[in-house]
Amino acid sequence: MNVSELAILDFIAEHLRCPFLDFLLPKITLLGDAGIFWIILAIALLIPKKTRKTGLMMAVALILGLLVCNITIKPLVARVRPYDVKGIMPYLCEVQKDFSFPSGHTTASFEGATVILIRHRKWGIAACVLAALIAFSRMYLYVHYPTDILAGLVLGVLFGILGVLIVDRLDAYIQKHKTPAAE
């Protein structure tokens, strides 16, 4: 247990909690549940031809995050959530069913936001603000340590960049090897 990380969460709980954030942040955090907002956005982007490549990039990033973060790292590290360490219930949300490190909400959010930022800067800034709010909500609700959030942010940005690179390389390869009859 990292006492300084608990001190940060306690500071947030003691100094930032207010009725407005108690109302808003549980709703914001729901957008990250199972990456649902980002998955729906990726699917929506796959529909119009103009944004299809961005949707595919986001889907690749989200799959990478799922495999590495949720299926591999979380069970290997098996970090107990802060509310369990303190012997309290999480604030304003349900008890979580998986481990704490890294934050899956944060990873998925920054995967999606990174892809959008690379592909569509104007919308990417708004996506990054939403990703940051989702990440902060996880600490506010006392379900993640700051290092869970930091790791999720780093992994999310990394997988977002990888999603863009993988799809760009695959697209370049397909274009290079396209036969005239396939057009």
C-alpha atoms as a PDB file:
ATOM      1  CA  MET A   1       0.000   0.000   0.000  1.00  0.00           C
ATOM      2  CA  ASN A   2       1.310   3.392  -0.975  1.00  0.00           C
ATOM      3  CA  VAL A   3       0.479   5.813   1.834  1.00  0.00           C
ATOM      4  CA  SER A   4       1.191   8.926  -0.260  1.00  0.00           C
ATOM      5  CA  GLU A   5      -1.268   7.786  -2.938  1.00  0.00           C
ATOM      6  CA  LEU A   6      -3.950   7.255  -0.314  1.00  0.00           C
ATOM      7  CA  ALA A   7      -3.120  10.735   1.004  1.00  0.00           C
ATOM      8  CA  ILE A   8      -3.844  12.167  -2.450  1.00  0.00           C
ATOM      9  CA  LEU A   9      -7.178  10.345  -2.605  1.00  0.00           C
ATOM     10  CA  ASP A  10      -7.992  11.511   0.925  1.00  0.00           C
ATOM     11  CA  PHE A  11      -7.126  15.085  -0.074  1.00  0.00           C
ATOM     12  CA  ILE A  12      -9.515  14.847  -3.040  1.00  0.00           C
ATOM     13  CA  ALA A  13     -12.226  13.420  -0.785  1.00  0.00           C
ATOM     14  CA  GLU A  14     -11.737  16.040   1.927  1.00  0.00           C
ATOM     15  CA  HIS A  15     -11.189  19.156  -0.180  1.00  0.00           C
ATOM     16  CA  LEU A  16     -12.842  18.670  -3.570  1.00  0.00           C
ATOM     17  CA  ARG A  17     -16.006  16.782  -2.757  1.00  0.00           C
ATOM     18  CA  CYS A  18     -19.134  18.837  -3.270  1.00  0.00           C
ATOM     19  CA  PRO A  19     -22.749  18.189  -4.294  1.00  0.00           C
ATOM     20  CA  PHE A  20     -22.118  19.267  -7.907  1.00  0.00           C
ATOM     21  CA  LEU A  21     -19.187  16.838  -8.404  1.00  0.00           C
ATOM     22  CA  ASP A  22     -21.014  14.136  -6.414  1.00  0.00           C
ATOM     23  CA  PHE A  23     -23.769  14.446  -9.019  1.00  0.00           C
ATOM     24  CA  LEU A  24     -21.590  14.871 -12.140  1.00  0.00           C
ATOM     25  CA  LEU A  25     -18.615  12.538 -11.719  1.00  0.00           C
ATOM     26  CA  PRO A  26     -20.521   9.266 -11.209  1.00  0.00           C
ATOM     27  CA  LYS A  27     -22.248  10.016 -14.528  1.00  0.00           C
ATOM     28  CA  ILE A  28     -18.951  10.896 -16.225  1.00  0.00           C
ATOM     29  CA  THR A  29     -17.360   7.672 -14.968  1.00  0.00           C
ATOM     30  CA  LEU A  30     -20.207   5.644 -16.513  1.00  0.00           C
ATOM     31  CA  LEU A  31     -18.989   6.766 -19.953  1.00  0.00           C
ATOM     32  CA  GLY A  32     -15.857   4.719 -19.322  1.00  0.00           C
ATOM     33  CA  ASP A  33     -17.576   1.573 -18.016  1.00  0.00           C
ATOM     34  CA  ALA A  34     -16.246  -1.272 -20.187  1.00  0.00           C
ATOM     35  CA  GLY A  35     -15.041   1.462 -22.574  1.00  0.00           C
ATOM     36  CA  ILE A  36     -18.657   1.767 -23.729  1.00  0.00           C
ATOM     37  CA  PHE A  37     -18.581   5.396 -24.898  1.00  0.00           C
ATOM     38  CA  TRP A  38     -15.382   4.838 -26.883  1.00  0.00           C
ATOM     39  CA  ILE A  39     -16.632   1.545 -28.356  1.00  0.00           C
ATOM     40  CA  ILE A  40     -19.891   3.173 -29.491  1.00  0.00           C
ATOM     41  CA  LEU A  41     -17.934   6.112 -30.906  1.00  0.00           C
ATOM     42  CA  ALA A  42     -15.578   3.766 -32.804  1.00  0.00           C
ATOM     43  CA  ILE A  43     -18.573   1.909 -34.272  1.00  0.00           C
ATOM     44  CA  ALA A  44     -20.248   5.199 -35.220  1.00  0.00           C
ATOM     45  CA  LEU A  45     -17.034   6.357 -36.910  1.00  0.00           C
ATOM     46  CA  LEU A  46     -16.853   3.106 -38.898  1.00  0.00           C
ATOM     47  CA  ILE A  47     -20.173   3.834 -40.624  1.00  0.00           C
ATOM     48  CA  PRO A  48     -19.420   6.933 -42.780  1.00  0.00           C
ATOM     49  CA  LYS A  49     -16.655   6.355 -45.330  1.00  0.00           C
ATOM     50  CA  LYS A  50     -15.116   9.740 -44.392  1.00  0.00           C
ATOM     51  CA  THR A  51     -14.399   8.621 -40.785  1.00  0.00           C
ATOM     52  CA  ARG A  52     -14.071   4.849 -41.304  1.00  0.00           C
ATOM     53  CA  LYS A  53     -10.287   4.829 -40.996  1.00  0.00           C
ATOM     54  CA  THR A  54     -10.455   6.730 -37.701  1.00  0.00           C
ATOM     55  CA  GLY A  55     -13.043   4.258 -36.386  1.00  0.00           C
ATOM     56  CA  LEU A  56     -10.820   1.339 -37.371  1.00  0.00           C
ATOM     57  CA  MET A  57      -7.812   2.953 -35.687  1.00  0.00           C
ATOM     58  CA  MET A  58      -9.828   3.444 -32.521  1.00  0.00           C
ATOM     59  CA  ALA A  59     -11.087  -0.153 -32.623  1.00  0.00           C
ATOM     60  CA  VAL A  60      -7.521  -1.478 -32.964  1.00  0.00           C
ATOM     61  CA  ALA A  61      -6.379   0.705 -30.055  1.00  0.00           C
ATOM     62  CA  LEU A  62      -9.276  -0.461 -27.861  1.00  0.00           C
ATOM     63  CA  ILE A  63      -8.554  -4.115 -28.643  1.00  0.00           C
ATOM     64  CA  LEU A  64      -4.869  -3.649 -27.782  1.00  0.00           C
ATOM     65  CA  GLY A  65      -5.839  -2.036 -24.480  1.00  0.00           C
ATOM     66  CA  LEU A  66      -8.293  -4.795 -23.644  1.00  0.00           C
ATOM     67  CA  LEU A  67      -5.725  -7.518 -24.293  1.00  0.00           C
ATOM     68  CA  VAL A  68      -2.772  -5.863 -22.567  1.00  0.00           C
ATOM     69  CA  CYS A  69      -4.443  -3.895 -19.774  1.00  0.00           C
ATOM     70  CA  ASN A  70      -7.542  -5.787 -18.719  1.00  0.00           C
ATOM     71  CA  ILE A  71      -6.699  -9.358 -19.665  1.00  0.00           C
ATOM     72  CA  THR A  72      -2.944  -9.359 -18.937  1.00  0.00           C
ATOM     73  CA  ILE A  73      -1.686  -6.624 -16.582  1.00  0.00           C
ATOM     74  CA  LYS A  74      -4.630  -6.340 -14.149  1.00  0.00           C
ATOM     75  CA  PRO A  75      -4.606 -10.037 -13.131  1.00  0.00           C
ATOM     76  CA  LEU A  76      -0.787 -10.183 -13.065  1.00  0.00           C
ATOM     77  CA  VAL A  77      -0.392  -7.137 -10.812  1.00  0.00           C
ATOM     78  CA  ALA A  78      -3.596  -7.878  -8.855  1.00  0.00           C
ATOM     79  CA  ARG A  79      -3.534  -4.528  -7.056  1.00  0.00           C
ATOM     80  CA  VAL A  80      -6.247  -4.154  -4.444  1.00  0.00           C
ATOM     81  CA  ARG A  81      -8.466  -1.117  -4.880  1.00  0.00           C
ATOM     82  CA  PRO A  82      -7.978   1.836  -2.506  1.00  0.00           C
ATOM     83  CA  TYR A  83     -11.423   1.554  -0.933  1.00  0.00           C
ATOM     84  CA  ASP A  84     -10.635  -2.075   0.008  1.00  0.00           C
ATOM     85  CA  VAL A  85      -7.313  -1.049   1.555  1.00  0.00           C
ATOM     86  CA  LYS A  86      -9.107   1.591   3.630  1.00  0.00           C
ATOM     87  CA  GLY A  87     -11.944  -0.807   4.491  1.00  0.00           C
ATOM     88  CA  ILE A  88     -14.615   1.521   3.111  1.00  0.00           C
ATOM     89  CA  MET A  89     -17.182   1.390   0.329  1.00  0.00           C
ATOM     90  CA  PRO A  90     -16.400   3.298  -2.882  1.00  0.00           C
ATOM     91  CA  TYR A  91     -17.980   6.726  -3.125  1.00  0.00           C
ATOM     92  CA  LEU A  92     -21.113   7.021  -5.214  1.00  0.00           C
ATOM     93  CA  CYS A  93     -20.512   3.948  -7.386  1.00  0.00           C
ATOM     94  CA  GLU A  94     -20.667   0.181  -7.280  1.00  0.00           C
ATOM     95  CA  VAL A  95     -17.944  -2.069  -5.921  1.00  0.00           C
ATOM     96  CA  GLN A  96     -15.609  -2.926  -8.797  1.00  0.00           C
ATOM     97  CA  LYS A  97     -15.198  -6.555  -9.867  1.00  0.00           C
ATOM     98  CA  ASP A  98     -11.603  -6.415 -11.094  1.00  0.00           C
ATOM     99  CA  PHE A  99      -8.241  -5.178  -9.861  1.00  0.00           C
ATOM    100  CA  SER A 100      -7.054  -1.594  -9.695  1.00  0.00           C
ATOM    101  CA  PHE A 101      -3.869  -1.369 -11.799  1.00  0.00           C
ATOM    102  CA  PRO A 102      -4.003   0.064 -14.402  1.00  0.00           C
ATOM    103  CA  SER A 103      -7.246   1.986 -14.774  1.00  0.00           C
ATOM    104  CA  GLY A 104      -9.180   0.445 -17.655  1.00  0.00           C
ATOM    105  CA  HIS A 105     -11.487   3.484 -17.824  1.00  0.00           C
ATOM    106  CA  THR A 106      -8.465   5.744 -18.256  1.00  0.00           C
ATOM    107  CA  THR A 107      -6.738   3.441 -20.744  1.00  0.00           C
ATOM    108  CA  ALA A 108      -9.791   3.179 -23.017  1.00  0.00           C
ATOM    109  CA  SER A 109     -10.500   6.899 -22.724  1.00  0.00           C
ATOM    110  CA  PHE A 110      -7.000   7.948 -23.734  1.00  0.00           C
ATOM    111  CA  GLU A 111      -6.866   5.360 -26.521  1.00  0.00           C
ATOM    112  CA  GLY A 112      -9.945   6.907 -28.083  1.00  0.00           C
ATOM    113  CA  ALA A 113      -8.914  10.488 -27.357  1.00  0.00           C
ATOM    114  CA  THR A 114      -5.413   9.965 -28.761  1.00  0.00           C
ATOM    115  CA  VAL A 115      -6.699   8.542 -32.034  1.00  0.00           C
ATOM    116  CA  ILE A 116      -9.170  11.404 -32.406  1.00  0.00           C
ATOM    117  CA  LEU A 117      -6.503  13.976 -31.516  1.00  0.00           C
ATOM    118  CA  ILE A 118      -4.126  12.585 -34.158  1.00  0.00           C
ATOM    119  CA  ARG A 119      -6.812  12.350 -36.842  1.00  0.00           C
ATOM    120  CA  HIS A 120      -9.058  15.340 -36.061  1.00  0.00           C
ATOM    121  CA  ARG A 121      -7.265  17.858 -33.832  1.00  0.00           C
ATOM    122  CA  LYS A 122     -10.348  20.039 -33.202  1.00  0.00           C
ATOM    123  CA  TRP A 123     -12.434  17.126 -31.878  1.00  0.00           C
ATOM    124  CA  GLY A 124      -9.382  15.561 -30.256  1.00  0.00           C
ATOM    125  CA  ILE A 125      -9.044  18.373 -27.747  1.00  0.00           C
ATOM    126  CA  ALA A 126     -12.634  17.836 -26.575  1.00  0.00           C
ATOM    127  CA  ALA A 127     -11.997  14.067 -26.451  1.00  0.00           C
ATOM    128  CA  CYS A 128      -8.888  14.630 -24.302  1.00  0.00           C
ATOM    129  CA  VAL A 129     -10.868  16.800 -21.885  1.00  0.00           C
ATOM    130  CA  LEU A 130     -13.491  14.052 -21.589  1.00  0.00           C
ATOM    131  CA  ALA A 131     -10.775  11.424 -21.107  1.00  0.00           C
ATOM    132  CA  ALA A 132      -9.189  13.530 -18.348  1.00  0.00           C
ATOM    133  CA  LEU A 133     -12.574  13.956 -16.621  1.00  0.00           C
ATOM    134  CA  ILE A 134     -13.205  10.206 -16.748  1.00  0.00           C
ATOM    135  CA  ALA A 135      -9.711   9.568 -15.347  1.00  0.00           C
ATOM    136  CA  PHE A 136     -10.171  12.096 -12.522  1.00  0.00           C
ATOM    137  CA  SER A 137     -13.591  10.648 -11.700  1.00  0.00           C
ATOM    138  CA  ARG A 138     -11.935   7.315 -10.893  1.00  0.00           C
ATOM    139  CA  MET A 139      -9.847   8.937  -8.154  1.00  0.00           C
ATOM    140  CA  TYR A 140     -12.730  11.095  -6.952  1.00  0.00           C
ATOM    141  CA  LEU A 141     -14.840   7.961  -6.523  1.00  0.00           C
ATOM    142  CA  TYR A 142     -11.965   6.318  -4.609  1.00  0.00           C
ATOM    143  CA  VAL A 143     -11.697   3.335  -6.965  1.00  0.00           C
ATOM    144  CA  HIS A 144      -8.201   4.042  -8.373  1.00  0.00           C
ATOM    145  CA  TYR A 145      -4.843   5.229  -7.124  1.00  0.00           C
ATOM    146  CA  PRO A 146      -3.085   8.085  -8.950  1.00  0.00           C
ATOM    147  CA  THR A 147      -0.519   5.632 -10.396  1.00  0.00           C
ATOM    148  CA  ASP A 148      -3.385   3.511 -11.798  1.00  0.00           C
ATOM    149  CA  ILE A 149      -4.538   6.635 -13.625  1.00  0.00           C
ATOM    150  CA  LEU A 150      -1.032   7.576 -14.771  1.00  0.00           C
ATOM    151  CA  ALA A 151      -0.398   4.052 -16.094  1.00  0.00           C
ATOM    152  CA  GLY A 152      -3.779   4.062 -17.851  1.00  0.00           C
ATOM    153  CA  LEU A 153      -3.006   7.416 -19.450  1.00  0.00           C
ATOM    154  CA  VAL A 154       0.422   6.273 -20.693  1.00  0.00           C
ATOM    155  CA  LEU A 155      -0.928   2.956 -21.982  1.00  0.00           C
ATOM    156  CA  GLY A 156      -3.913   4.675 -23.584  1.00  0.00           C
ATOM    157  CA  VAL A 157      -1.741   7.164 -25.458  1.00  0.00           C
ATOM    158  CA  LEU A 158       0.647   4.376 -26.496  1.00  0.00           C
ATOM    159  CA  PHE A 159      -2.146   2.123 -27.787  1.00  0.00           C
ATOM    160  CA  GLY A 160      -3.844   5.077 -29.484  1.00  0.00           C
ATOM    161  CA  ILE A 161      -0.625   5.835 -31.382  1.00  0.00           C
ATOM    162  CA  LEU A 162      -0.150   2.137 -32.171  1.00  0.00           C
ATOM    163  CA  GLY A 163      -3.724   1.897 -33.457  1.00  0.00           C
ATOM    164  CA  VAL A 164      -3.037   4.774 -35.860  1.00  0.00           C
ATOM    165  CA  LEU A 165       0.308   3.316 -36.996  1.00  0.00           C
ATOM    166  CA  ILE A 166      -1.014  -0.227 -37.480  1.00  0.00           C
ATOM    167  CA  VAL A 167      -3.992   0.879 -39.574  1.00  0.00           C
ATOM    168  CA  ASP A 168      -1.883   3.363 -41.586  1.00  0.00           C
ATOM    169  CA  ARG A 169       0.723   0.676 -42.351  1.00  0.00           C
ATOM    170  CA  LEU A 170      -1.932  -1.888 -43.207  1.00  0.00           C
ATOM    171  CA  ASP A 171      -3.685   0.614 -45.475  1.00  0.00           C
ATOM    172  CA  ALA A 172      -0.386   1.533 -47.199  1.00  0.00           C
ATOM    173  CA  TYR A 173       0.380  -2.163 -47.732  1.00  0.00           C
ATOM    174  CA  ILE A 174      -3.075  -2.805 -49.194  1.00  0.00           C
ATOM    175  CA  GLN A 175      -2.823   0.221 -51.492  1.00  0.00           C
ATOM    176  CA  LYS A 176       0.643  -0.844 -52.668  1.00  0.00           C
ATOM    177  CA  HIS A 177      -0.474  -4.405 -53.446  1.00  0.00           C
ATOM    178  CA  LYS A 178      -3.890  -3.598 -54.861  1.00  0.00           C
ATOM    179  CA  THR A 179      -4.486  -5.196 -58.228  1.00  0.00           C
ATOM    180  CA  PRO A 180      -6.326  -3.236 -60.922  1.00  0.00           C
ATOM    181  CA  ALA A 181      -9.091  -5.894 -61.022  1.00  0.00           C
ATOM    182  CA  ALA A 182      -9.772  -5.396 -57.281  1.00  0.00           C
ATOM    183  CA  GLU A 183     -10.704  -1.757 -57.853  1.00  0.00           C
END
